[in-house]
């Protein structure tokens, strides 16, 4: 659903004059207005149409607004549909509670103030559109991941089949043939066989013992098994095996052997073909790795996006949308940085500069620290943590005024990163009485996901925050504290209360 697409708004009232008044008030929103003169008519419309918002009168004969809301909520399709009650009588707290229990998202008293009603409807219409857009984007992303995975699987299958067909007629150097006199033990190799094994025809003596010495130790038993099978009457044998060349390089080979039988049914000669399939094996490994990597990254991106949407809290729709868009934008920026490095990691200076780019032109920010390469998971989590700090500073801290200053310094010792965020010159800081969602989210991501610490000191002159993050995986907290006991004690940072 695009931004300009209309949504359906259902107006339910038993009085035609009031329905007409609602239509006049809401007409300028440009949405599709659907009217119902009774609760039962409203139910029929709901079953046939996709409704974004229901505006319903509380007092109606036969089926009042509360009863209609209860029936609507019983249907799985409408459990999240926004409902706004209109009441011409004084609504008590008990009635409001009952309405909210029935699924109402808001109350509008009569007489209706047109501007208020339009504003409420507009907010829920936009929320409906944004929700549908997000659902569609998630579905499209999942479809693309499935399509890409299927494409990779198909490509791998085609590669294997092509290699099998090509292996019987590949150019010189990729295929060799041989004969083995079963009775006297003599071997004959062609030039291709010598080339595959990487030996010199002038100096290498082809014997069963020397051939066995070229094989990978784990594949020697398969050679002996093949000989035993031919002895028992098998006429052919196929196997894949590994060889070690004189220079230490390991190569994968596919071998096919066929036995020649005398008139008494005894094996007198075994002939075969050896094909070097090293490149095919490497291609299979690359395809398998790429498939797993695509699946892993797609699941991580979806999980992070779902967590952001699910855990973000706000007092109104606009604040909620801004918060979600800000956090997803931060995730997108670090994703771009990681993509440019082929997901090998991200430089911390680049990460910090990207998050602070909108505020860097004022000269308020000072960065200091050496180049540190962060693992992808660490970079993603740190980017979201920095976003929360930047957002808080822009709203309430040093970045909210031109006189404010922000210093960011990071150091690494004993595989532990310490990032120091220090604000000065901004508005007078009052220590919070409880943790906000941004602070809780920051602490949870740093501590739970990375096994680090997020330390805060709400000084009057500005916030001081230290992020202590292990760079080699999670480590026990006593060990983390021991490695950075001196750094942690400097400035006496403390956790936020509440």
Protein backbone atom coordinates (compact mmCIF):
# COMPACT_ATOMS: atom_id res chain seq x y z
CA UNK A 1 0.00 0.00 0.00
CA UNK A 2 1.50 3.32 -1.11
CA UNK A 3 1.24 6.57 0.86
CA UNK A 4 -1.34 8.05 -1.51
CA UNK A 5 -3.66 5.02 -1.54
CA UNK A 6 -6.94 5.55 0.21
CA UNK A 7 -8.06 3.48 3.18
CA UNK A 8 -11.63 2.52 4.11
CA UNK A 9 -13.20 4.22 7.14
CA UNK A 10 -16.47 2.74 8.40
CA UNK A 11 -18.98 5.18 9.98
CA UNK A 12 -21.65 3.48 12.11
CA UNK A 13 -24.69 5.39 13.49
CA UNK A 14 -28.44 4.83 13.44
CA UNK A 15 -29.14 8.52 12.73
CA UNK A 16 -28.70 9.57 9.06
CA UNK A 17 -28.11 13.22 10.02
CA UNK A 18 -25.13 12.30 12.20
CA UNK A 19 -23.70 10.04 9.47
CA UNK A 20 -23.98 12.92 7.01
CA UNK A 21 -22.23 15.23 9.47
CA UNK A 22 -19.34 12.77 9.91
CA UNK A 23 -18.99 12.45 6.15
CA UNK A 24 -18.79 16.23 5.74
CA UNK A 25 -16.19 16.52 8.51
CA UNK A 26 -13.99 13.71 7.19
CA UNK A 27 -14.40 14.32 3.46
CA UNK A 28 -11.33 16.54 3.18
CA UNK A 29 -9.06 13.70 4.39
CA UNK A 30 -9.53 12.09 0.97
CA UNK A 31 -10.20 8.60 2.33
CA UNK A 32 -12.98 6.16 1.38
CA UNK A 33 -15.94 6.72 3.72
CA UNK A 34 -18.31 3.75 4.15
CA UNK A 35 -21.55 4.23 6.14
CA UNK A 36 -23.67 1.75 8.08
CA UNK A 37 -27.01 2.60 9.75
CA UNK A 38 -26.87 -0.28 12.23
CA UNK A 39 -24.52 -2.69 13.92
CA UNK A 40 -25.63 -5.61 11.77
CA UNK A 41 -25.12 -3.64 8.58
CA UNK A 42 -21.64 -2.73 9.84
CA UNK A 43 -20.81 -6.41 10.34
CA UNK A 44 -21.89 -7.23 6.79
CA UNK A 45 -19.67 -4.47 5.41
CA UNK A 46 -16.71 -5.63 7.49
CA UNK A 47 -16.94 -9.17 6.13
CA UNK A 48 -16.80 -7.89 2.54
CA UNK A 49 -14.22 -5.08 2.82
CA UNK A 50 -10.84 -4.25 4.29
CA UNK A 51 -11.55 -1.59 6.93
CA UNK A 52 -8.81 0.54 8.50
CA UNK A 53 -10.83 2.47 11.12
CA UNK A 54 -14.32 2.09 12.60
CA UNK A 55 -16.12 5.19 13.94
CA UNK A 56 -19.10 3.92 15.93
CA UNK A 57 -21.84 5.50 18.04
CA UNK A 58 -22.06 4.03 21.55
CA UNK A 59 -25.85 4.40 21.87
CA UNK A 60 -27.69 2.52 19.10
CA UNK A 61 -30.88 0.43 19.25
CA UNK A 62 -30.78 -3.34 18.85
CA UNK A 63 -26.98 -3.56 18.95
CA UNK A 64 -25.09 -0.81 20.79
CA UNK A 65 -21.46 0.20 20.23
CA UNK A 66 -20.06 -1.97 23.03
CA UNK A 67 -21.81 -5.08 21.76
CA UNK A 68 -20.75 -4.38 18.19
CA UNK A 69 -17.14 -3.92 19.29
CA UNK A 70 -17.19 -7.24 21.15
CA UNK A 71 -18.52 -9.05 18.07
CA UNK A 72 -15.93 -7.42 15.83
CA UNK A 73 -13.05 -8.39 18.14
CA UNK A 74 -14.17 -12.03 18.11
CA UNK A 75 -13.30 -12.25 14.40
CA UNK A 76 -9.58 -12.94 13.74
CA UNK A 77 -9.46 -10.44 10.86
CA UNK A 78 -10.52 -7.49 13.00
CA UNK A 79 -8.65 -8.08 16.26
CA UNK A 80 -6.31 -5.17 15.54
CA UNK A 81 -8.71 -2.86 13.68
CA UNK A 82 -8.81 0.65 15.21
CA UNK A 83 -12.21 1.60 16.73
CA UNK A 84 -13.20 5.07 17.91
CA UNK A 85 -16.37 5.47 20.02
CA UNK A 86 -18.63 8.53 19.74
CA UNK A 87 -20.82 9.22 22.77
CA UNK A 88 -23.51 11.89 23.14
CA UNK A 89 -23.78 11.27 26.88
CA UNK A 90 -21.31 11.89 29.69
CA UNK A 91 -19.03 8.85 29.71
CA UNK A 92 -17.94 7.57 33.10
CA UNK A 93 -14.57 5.99 33.82
CA UNK A 94 -16.30 2.61 34.05
CA UNK A 95 -17.78 3.08 30.59
CA UNK A 96 -14.42 4.15 29.22
CA UNK A 97 -12.78 1.09 30.75
CA UNK A 98 -15.45 -1.11 29.24
CA UNK A 99 -14.87 0.49 25.85
CA UNK A 100 -11.14 0.00 25.98
CA UNK A 101 -11.66 -3.61 26.99
CA UNK A 102 -13.84 -4.00 23.90
CA UNK A 103 -10.98 -2.72 21.76
CA UNK A 104 -11.61 1.01 21.49
CA UNK A 105 -8.53 3.13 20.80
CA UNK A 106 -10.19 6.49 21.59
CA UNK A 107 -13.40 8.33 22.61
CA UNK A 108 -14.91 11.38 20.91
CA UNK A 109 -17.62 13.29 22.86
CA UNK A 110 -20.61 15.05 21.30
CA UNK A 111 -20.78 17.79 20.15
CA UNK A 112 -17.96 16.65 17.86
CA UNK A 113 -15.16 19.14 17.22
CA UNK A 114 -14.40 18.68 13.49
CA UNK A 115 -10.70 19.46 13.75
CA UNK A 116 -10.22 16.99 16.62
CA UNK A 117 -12.10 14.21 14.86
CA UNK A 118 -10.19 14.73 11.63
CA UNK A 119 -6.87 14.72 13.47
CA UNK A 120 -7.64 11.46 15.27
CA UNK A 121 -8.82 9.73 12.10
CA UNK A 122 -5.79 10.97 10.17
CA UNK A 123 -3.38 9.58 12.75
CA UNK A 124 -4.91 6.11 12.72
CA UNK A 125 -5.18 6.11 8.92
CA UNK A 126 -1.47 6.89 8.62
CA UNK A 127 -0.63 4.21 11.19
CA UNK A 128 -2.69 1.69 9.20
CA UNK A 129 -0.85 2.63 6.00
CA UNK A 130 2.58 2.42 7.65
CA UNK A 131 1.74 -0.95 9.20
CA UNK A 132 0.61 -2.35 5.86
CA UNK A 133 3.75 -0.98 4.18
CA UNK A 134 5.96 -2.67 6.75
CA UNK A 135 4.11 -5.97 6.37
CA UNK A 136 4.46 -5.76 2.61
CA UNK A 137 8.17 -4.91 2.80
CA UNK A 138 8.79 -7.81 5.19
CA UNK A 139 6.92 -10.17 2.84
CA UNK A 140 8.86 -8.89 -0.17
CA UNK A 141 12.15 -9.33 1.65
CA UNK A 142 11.27 -12.89 2.62
CA UNK A 143 10.24 -13.61 -1.00
CA UNK A 144 13.54 -12.24 -2.30
CA UNK A 145 15.52 -14.32 0.19
CA UNK A 146 13.58 -17.46 -0.78
CA UNK A 147 14.01 -16.69 -4.48
CA UNK A 148 17.74 -16.07 -4.04
CA UNK A 149 18.17 -19.25 -2.01
CA UNK A 150 16.27 -21.25 -4.65
CA UNK A 151 18.40 -19.66 -7.36
CA UNK A 152 21.59 -20.62 -5.54
CA UNK A 153 20.36 -24.17 -5.01
CA UNK A 154 19.41 -24.43 -8.68
CA UNK A 155 22.78 -23.00 -9.69
CA UNK A 156 24.57 -25.53 -7.49
CA UNK A 157 22.58 -28.41 -8.99
CA UNK A 158 23.28 -27.21 -12.51
CA UNK A 159 26.97 -26.83 -11.68
CA UNK A 160 27.21 -30.39 -10.35
CA UNK A 161 25.34 -31.83 -13.34
CA UNK A 162 27.43 -29.81 -15.78
CA UNK A 163 30.63 -30.91 -14.10
CA UNK A 164 29.58 -34.56 -14.25
CA UNK A 165 28.88 -34.30 -17.99
CA UNK A 166 32.02 -32.30 -18.68
CA UNK A 167 34.30 -34.53 -16.62
CA UNK A 168 34.31 -37.26 -19.27
CA UNK A 169 35.61 -34.95 -21.99
CA UNK A 170 37.65 -32.23 -20.29
CA UNK A 171 40.86 -30.96 -21.77
CA UNK A 172 44.28 -32.46 -21.17
CA UNK A 173 45.46 -31.96 -17.62
CA UNK A 174 42.00 -32.56 -16.14
CA UNK A 175 41.60 -36.22 -17.11
CA UNK A 176 43.91 -39.19 -17.15
CA UNK A 177 43.62 -42.88 -17.98
CA UNK A 178 45.40 -45.92 -16.63
CA UNK A 179 45.69 -49.72 -16.90
CA UNK A 180 46.62 -52.22 -14.24
CA UNK A 181 47.71 -55.75 -15.07
CA UNK A 182 45.94 -57.68 -12.35
CA UNK A 183 48.16 -60.76 -12.74
CA UNK A 184 51.69 -59.32 -12.67
CA UNK A 185 50.97 -55.96 -11.00
CA UNK A 186 52.28 -53.72 -13.80
CA UNK A 187 50.78 -50.23 -14.18
CA UNK A 188 50.49 -47.98 -17.22
CA UNK A 189 49.64 -44.26 -16.92
CA UNK A 190 49.04 -41.74 -19.67
CA UNK A 191 50.34 -38.17 -19.59
CA UNK A 192 47.14 -36.81 -18.05
CA UNK A 193 47.39 -39.20 -15.09
CA UNK A 194 50.92 -38.02 -14.29
CA UNK A 195 49.77 -34.40 -14.55
CA UNK A 196 46.86 -34.91 -12.15
CA UNK A 197 49.13 -36.50 -9.54
CA UNK A 198 51.76 -33.80 -10.10
CA UNK A 199 54.65 -36.22 -10.64
CA UNK A 200 57.39 -36.51 -13.24
CA UNK A 201 57.01 -39.51 -15.61
CA UNK A 202 60.80 -39.81 -15.76
CA UNK A 203 61.33 -40.16 -12.04
CA UNK A 204 58.08 -41.51 -10.58
CA UNK A 205 57.76 -45.28 -10.54
CA UNK A 206 54.12 -46.31 -10.86
CA UNK A 207 53.55 -49.07 -8.32
CA UNK A 208 50.64 -49.90 -6.03
CA UNK A 209 52.69 -48.84 -3.00
CA UNK A 210 53.70 -45.48 -4.54
CA UNK A 211 50.14 -44.75 -5.65
CA UNK A 212 48.82 -45.54 -2.19
CA UNK A 213 51.42 -43.20 -0.70
CA UNK A 214 49.96 -40.33 -2.80
CA UNK A 215 46.46 -40.83 -1.42
CA UNK A 216 44.96 -38.99 1.51
CA UNK A 217 45.29 -41.30 4.56
CA UNK A 218 41.51 -41.30 5.07
CA UNK A 219 40.95 -42.57 1.50
CA UNK A 220 43.40 -45.48 1.48
CA UNK A 221 40.79 -47.83 2.91
CA UNK A 222 38.44 -47.01 -0.01
CA UNK A 223 41.13 -48.12 -2.49
CA UNK A 224 41.53 -51.40 -0.66
CA UNK A 225 37.75 -51.79 -0.57
CA UNK A 226 37.57 -51.33 -4.35
CA UNK A 227 40.20 -54.03 -4.90
CA UNK A 228 38.25 -56.37 -2.61
CA UNK A 229 35.00 -55.69 -4.50
CA UNK A 230 36.65 -56.49 -7.86
CA UNK A 231 38.09 -59.67 -6.38
CA UNK A 232 34.60 -60.75 -5.32
CA UNK A 233 33.23 -60.34 -8.85
CA UNK A 234 32.36 -56.66 -9.20
CA UNK A 235 32.82 -55.48 -12.80
CA UNK A 236 33.13 -51.74 -12.13
CA UNK A 237 33.74 -49.30 -9.32
CA UNK A 238 33.41 -45.52 -8.89
CA UNK A 239 34.71 -43.32 -6.09
CA UNK A 240 35.89 -39.86 -5.16
CA UNK A 241 39.24 -39.54 -3.43
CA UNK A 242 41.93 -37.05 -2.47
CA UNK A 243 45.61 -37.03 -3.37
CA UNK A 244 48.58 -35.09 -2.06
CA UNK A 245 50.99 -33.81 -4.67
CA UNK A 246 54.71 -33.59 -4.04
CA UNK A 247 54.39 -29.83 -3.38
CA UNK A 248 51.86 -30.49 -0.59
CA UNK A 249 48.76 -29.40 -2.55
CA UNK A 250 45.66 -31.53 -2.02
CA UNK A 251 43.48 -32.31 -5.06
CA UNK A 252 40.07 -33.95 -5.35
CA UNK A 253 39.66 -36.68 -7.97
CA UNK A 254 36.86 -38.86 -9.30
CA UNK A 255 37.87 -42.35 -10.44
CA UNK A 256 36.07 -44.95 -12.50
CA UNK A 257 37.43 -48.49 -12.87
CA UNK A 258 36.25 -51.39 -15.07
CA UNK A 259 37.49 -55.00 -14.90
CA UNK A 260 38.42 -57.24 -17.85
CA UNK A 261 37.47 -60.89 -17.27
CA UNK A 262 38.98 -64.01 -18.92
CA UNK A 263 36.95 -66.97 -20.12
CA UNK A 264 37.08 -68.46 -16.65
CA UNK A 265 35.58 -65.37 -15.05
CA UNK A 266 38.81 -64.21 -13.48
CA UNK A 267 39.97 -60.58 -13.44
CA UNK A 268 43.01 -60.13 -15.67
CA UNK A 269 43.10 -56.37 -16.14
CA UNK A 270 41.56 -53.25 -14.63
CA UNK A 271 41.29 -50.04 -16.67
CA UNK A 272 40.14 -46.69 -15.46
CA UNK A 273 39.80 -42.95 -15.83
CA UNK A 274 40.77 -40.30 -13.27
CA UNK A 275 39.24 -36.84 -13.38
CA UNK A 276 40.52 -33.84 -11.40
CA UNK A 277 37.36 -32.39 -9.77
CA UNK A 278 39.08 -29.97 -7.39
CA UNK A 279 37.51 -26.88 -8.93
CA UNK A 280 34.06 -28.44 -8.75
CA UNK A 281 34.52 -29.26 -5.07
CA UNK A 282 35.67 -25.73 -4.34
CA UNK A 283 32.71 -24.31 -6.24
CA UNK A 284 30.34 -26.50 -4.22
CA UNK A 285 31.92 -25.26 -0.99
CA UNK A 286 31.61 -21.63 -2.13
CA UNK A 287 27.97 -22.12 -3.12
CA UNK A 288 27.18 -23.80 0.18
CA UNK A 289 28.92 -21.04 2.13
CA UNK A 290 27.13 -18.32 0.14
CA UNK A 291 23.74 -19.96 0.67
CA UNK A 292 24.29 -20.19 4.43
CA UNK A 293 25.60 -16.61 4.55
CA UNK A 294 22.60 -15.18 2.65
CA UNK A 295 20.19 -17.07 4.89
CA UNK A 296 22.03 -15.98 8.06
CA UNK A 297 22.16 -12.29 7.10
CA UNK A 298 18.54 -12.18 5.98
CA UNK A 299 17.36 -13.75 9.25
CA UNK A 300 19.50 -11.35 11.28
CA UNK A 301 18.14 -8.31 9.43
CA UNK A 302 14.55 -9.47 9.86
CA UNK A 303 15.10 -10.25 13.54
CA UNK A 304 16.59 -6.81 14.21
CA UNK A 305 13.81 -5.03 12.30
CA UNK A 306 11.14 -7.04 14.14
CA UNK A 307 12.78 -6.27 17.50
CA UNK A 308 12.85 -2.55 16.71
CA UNK A 309 9.18 -2.49 15.71
CA UNK A 310 8.07 -4.69 18.62
CA UNK A 311 10.04 -3.00 21.39
CA UNK A 312 9.75 0.68 20.45
CA UNK A 313 7.39 2.62 22.70
CA UNK A 314 5.97 6.12 22.20
CA UNK A 315 3.20 8.39 23.46
CA UNK A 316 1.72 8.98 20.00
CA UNK A 317 1.87 7.66 16.47
CA UNK A 318 4.15 10.38 15.09
CA UNK A 319 6.72 9.83 17.83
CA UNK A 320 6.49 6.08 17.34
CA UNK A 321 7.00 6.36 13.56
CA UNK A 322 9.96 8.72 14.01
CA UNK A 323 11.57 6.43 16.59
CA UNK A 324 11.17 3.33 14.41
CA UNK A 325 12.41 5.11 11.29
CA UNK A 326 15.43 6.49 13.19
CA UNK A 327 16.47 3.10 14.52
CA UNK A 328 15.96 1.33 11.20
CA UNK A 329 17.93 4.12 9.46
CA UNK A 330 20.79 3.55 11.92
CA UNK A 331 20.66 -0.15 11.09
CA UNK A 332 20.64 0.65 7.36
CA UNK A 333 23.71 2.88 7.69
CA UNK A 334 25.80 0.23 9.40
CA UNK A 335 24.51 -2.35 6.88
CA UNK A 336 25.89 -0.15 4.08
CA UNK A 337 29.27 0.12 5.83
CA UNK A 338 29.42 -3.67 6.29
CA UNK A 339 28.37 -4.31 2.69
CA UNK A 340 31.25 -2.15 1.40
CA UNK A 341 33.66 -4.39 3.33
CA UNK A 342 31.95 -7.59 2.10
CA UNK A 343 30.76 -8.10 5.68
CA UNK A 344 34.30 -8.45 6.98
CA UNK A 345 33.69 -5.76 9.60
CA UNK A 346 33.47 -2.00 10.12
CA UNK A 347 35.93 0.68 11.26
CA UNK A 348 34.66 2.29 14.44
CA UNK A 349 35.60 5.80 13.25
CA UNK A 350 33.48 5.36 10.12
CA UNK A 351 30.62 4.02 12.23
CA UNK A 352 30.73 6.98 14.66
CA UNK A 353 31.04 9.55 11.86
CA UNK A 354 28.02 8.12 10.03
CA UNK A 355 25.82 8.31 13.13
CA UNK A 356 26.92 11.87 13.95
CA UNK A 357 26.95 13.18 10.36
CA UNK A 358 23.81 15.39 10.72
CA UNK A 359 25.45 17.31 13.61
CA UNK A 360 29.09 17.47 12.49
CA UNK A 361 28.83 20.76 10.55
CA UNK A 362 28.41 22.88 13.70
CA UNK A 363 31.87 22.10 15.09
CA UNK A 364 30.39 20.87 18.38
CA UNK A 365 31.78 17.35 18.17
CA UNK A 366 35.31 16.08 18.86
CA UNK A 367 36.37 12.53 18.03
CA UNK A 368 39.53 10.83 19.27
CA UNK A 369 40.61 7.23 18.92
CA UNK A 370 42.65 4.80 16.85
CA UNK A 371 41.25 2.67 14.06
CA UNK A 372 39.49 -0.42 15.41
CA UNK A 373 37.93 -3.08 13.20
CA UNK A 374 34.62 -4.30 14.64
CA UNK A 375 32.95 -7.61 13.90
CA UNK A 376 29.59 -7.28 12.03
CA UNK A 377 27.45 -8.20 15.08
CA UNK A 378 29.37 -5.77 17.30
CA UNK A 379 29.10 -3.01 14.71
CA UNK A 380 25.33 -3.42 14.37
CA UNK A 381 24.71 -3.32 18.11
CA UNK A 382 27.09 -0.39 18.68
CA UNK A 383 25.41 1.57 15.85
CA UNK A 384 22.01 1.24 17.54
CA UNK A 385 23.53 2.23 20.90
CA UNK A 386 25.14 5.34 19.37
CA UNK A 387 21.84 6.21 17.72
CA UNK A 388 20.11 6.23 21.11
CA UNK A 389 22.83 8.46 22.60
CA UNK A 390 22.71 10.86 19.63
CA UNK A 391 18.92 11.05 19.71
CA UNK A 392 18.89 11.77 23.46
CA UNK A 393 21.60 14.41 23.10
CA UNK A 394 19.80 16.13 20.22
CA UNK A 395 16.57 16.28 22.22
CA UNK A 396 17.77 17.08 25.71
CA UNK A 397 21.57 17.24 25.85
CA UNK A 398 24.57 19.02 24.40
CA UNK A 399 23.48 18.73 20.76
CA UNK A 400 20.18 20.48 21.52
CA UNK A 401 21.95 23.87 21.80
CA UNK A 402 24.76 25.59 19.90
CA UNK A 403 26.74 26.10 23.11
CA UNK A 404 26.87 22.37 23.81
CA UNK A 405 29.95 20.24 23.15
CA UNK A 406 30.33 16.50 22.67
CA UNK A 407 33.55 14.51 23.04
CA UNK A 408 33.78 10.87 21.95
CA UNK A 409 36.95 8.93 22.70
CA UNK A 410 37.63 5.23 22.38
CA UNK A 411 40.52 3.01 23.43
CA UNK A 412 41.31 -0.70 23.19
CA UNK A 413 43.31 -2.79 25.65
CA UNK A 414 43.35 -6.54 26.28
CA UNK A 415 40.73 -7.05 23.54
CA UNK A 416 38.24 -4.76 25.30
CA UNK A 417 36.89 -1.57 23.72
CA UNK A 418 35.98 1.40 25.95
CA UNK A 419 34.04 4.22 24.29
CA UNK A 420 33.67 7.41 26.36
CA UNK A 421 30.76 9.75 25.50
CA UNK A 422 31.06 13.09 27.30
CA UNK A 423 28.67 16.05 26.94
CA UNK A 424 29.28 19.58 28.27
CA UNK A 425 27.84 23.07 27.79
CA UNK A 426 24.28 21.93 27.20
CA UNK A 427 21.16 22.41 29.30
CA UNK A 428 21.42 21.67 33.02
CA UNK A 429 21.10 17.91 33.49
CA UNK A 430 18.77 16.40 36.06
CA UNK A 431 19.39 12.73 36.92
CA UNK A 432 16.40 10.71 35.65
CA UNK A 433 14.16 9.05 38.21
CA UNK A 434 13.65 6.03 35.96
CA UNK A 435 15.13 4.50 32.86
CA UNK A 436 13.64 5.60 29.55
CA UNK A 437 13.10 3.10 26.77
CA UNK A 438 16.15 4.34 24.84
CA UNK A 439 18.40 3.87 27.87
CA UNK A 440 16.98 0.41 28.59
CA UNK A 441 17.39 -0.57 24.95
CA UNK A 442 21.00 0.67 24.90
CA UNK A 443 21.91 -1.19 28.09
CA UNK A 444 20.18 -4.39 26.97
CA UNK A 445 21.92 -4.43 23.59
CA UNK A 446 25.39 -3.74 25.00
CA UNK A 447 25.11 -6.02 28.02
CA UNK A 448 22.96 -8.90 26.73
CA UNK A 449 24.10 -9.11 23.12
CA UNK A 450 27.76 -8.15 23.49
CA UNK A 451 28.44 -9.09 27.11
CA UNK A 452 29.68 -5.57 27.89
CA UNK A 453 28.72 -2.75 30.24
CA UNK A 454 26.90 0.56 29.74
CA UNK A 455 27.77 3.04 32.51
CA UNK A 456 26.09 6.44 33.00
CA UNK A 457 26.90 9.52 35.08
CA UNK A 458 24.18 12.19 34.85
CA UNK A 459 26.35 15.15 35.80
CA UNK A 460 24.86 18.63 36.00
CA UNK A 461 27.20 19.87 33.25
CA UNK A 462 26.30 17.01 30.90
CA UNK A 463 25.98 13.25 30.48
CA UNK A 464 29.05 11.02 30.80
CA UNK A 465 28.57 7.53 29.39
CA UNK A 466 31.06 4.70 29.03
CA UNK A 467 30.48 1.64 26.87
CA UNK A 468 32.78 -1.27 27.74
CA UNK A 469 32.65 -3.96 25.04
CA UNK A 470 34.73 -7.16 24.68
CA UNK A 471 35.99 -7.61 21.09
CA UNK A 472 36.63 -11.36 21.25
CA UNK A 473 33.24 -12.60 22.37
CA UNK A 474 31.53 -12.48 25.74
CA UNK A 475 33.70 -12.85 28.83
CA UNK A 476 32.80 -13.27 32.51
CA UNK A 477 32.02 -9.95 34.17
CA UNK A 478 34.79 -10.35 36.80
CA UNK A 479 37.33 -10.76 34.00
CA UNK A 480 35.91 -7.76 32.12
CA UNK A 481 36.09 -5.63 35.27
CA UNK A 482 39.61 -6.83 36.03
CA UNK A 483 40.91 -5.98 32.56
CA UNK A 484 39.53 -2.47 32.73
CA UNK A 485 39.34 -1.76 36.45
CA UNK A 486 41.37 1.42 36.10
CA UNK A 487 39.29 2.75 33.19
CA UNK A 488 36.01 1.89 34.87
CA UNK A 489 36.92 3.72 38.07
CA UNK A 490 37.94 6.95 36.29
CA UNK A 491 35.18 9.56 36.52
CA UNK A 492 33.14 7.37 38.87
CA UNK A 493 30.45 6.52 36.31
CA UNK A 494 27.39 4.82 37.72
CA UNK A 495 24.38 3.08 36.32
CA UNK A 496 21.14 4.98 35.92
CA UNK A 497 18.78 4.40 38.82
CA UNK A 498 15.28 3.02 38.67
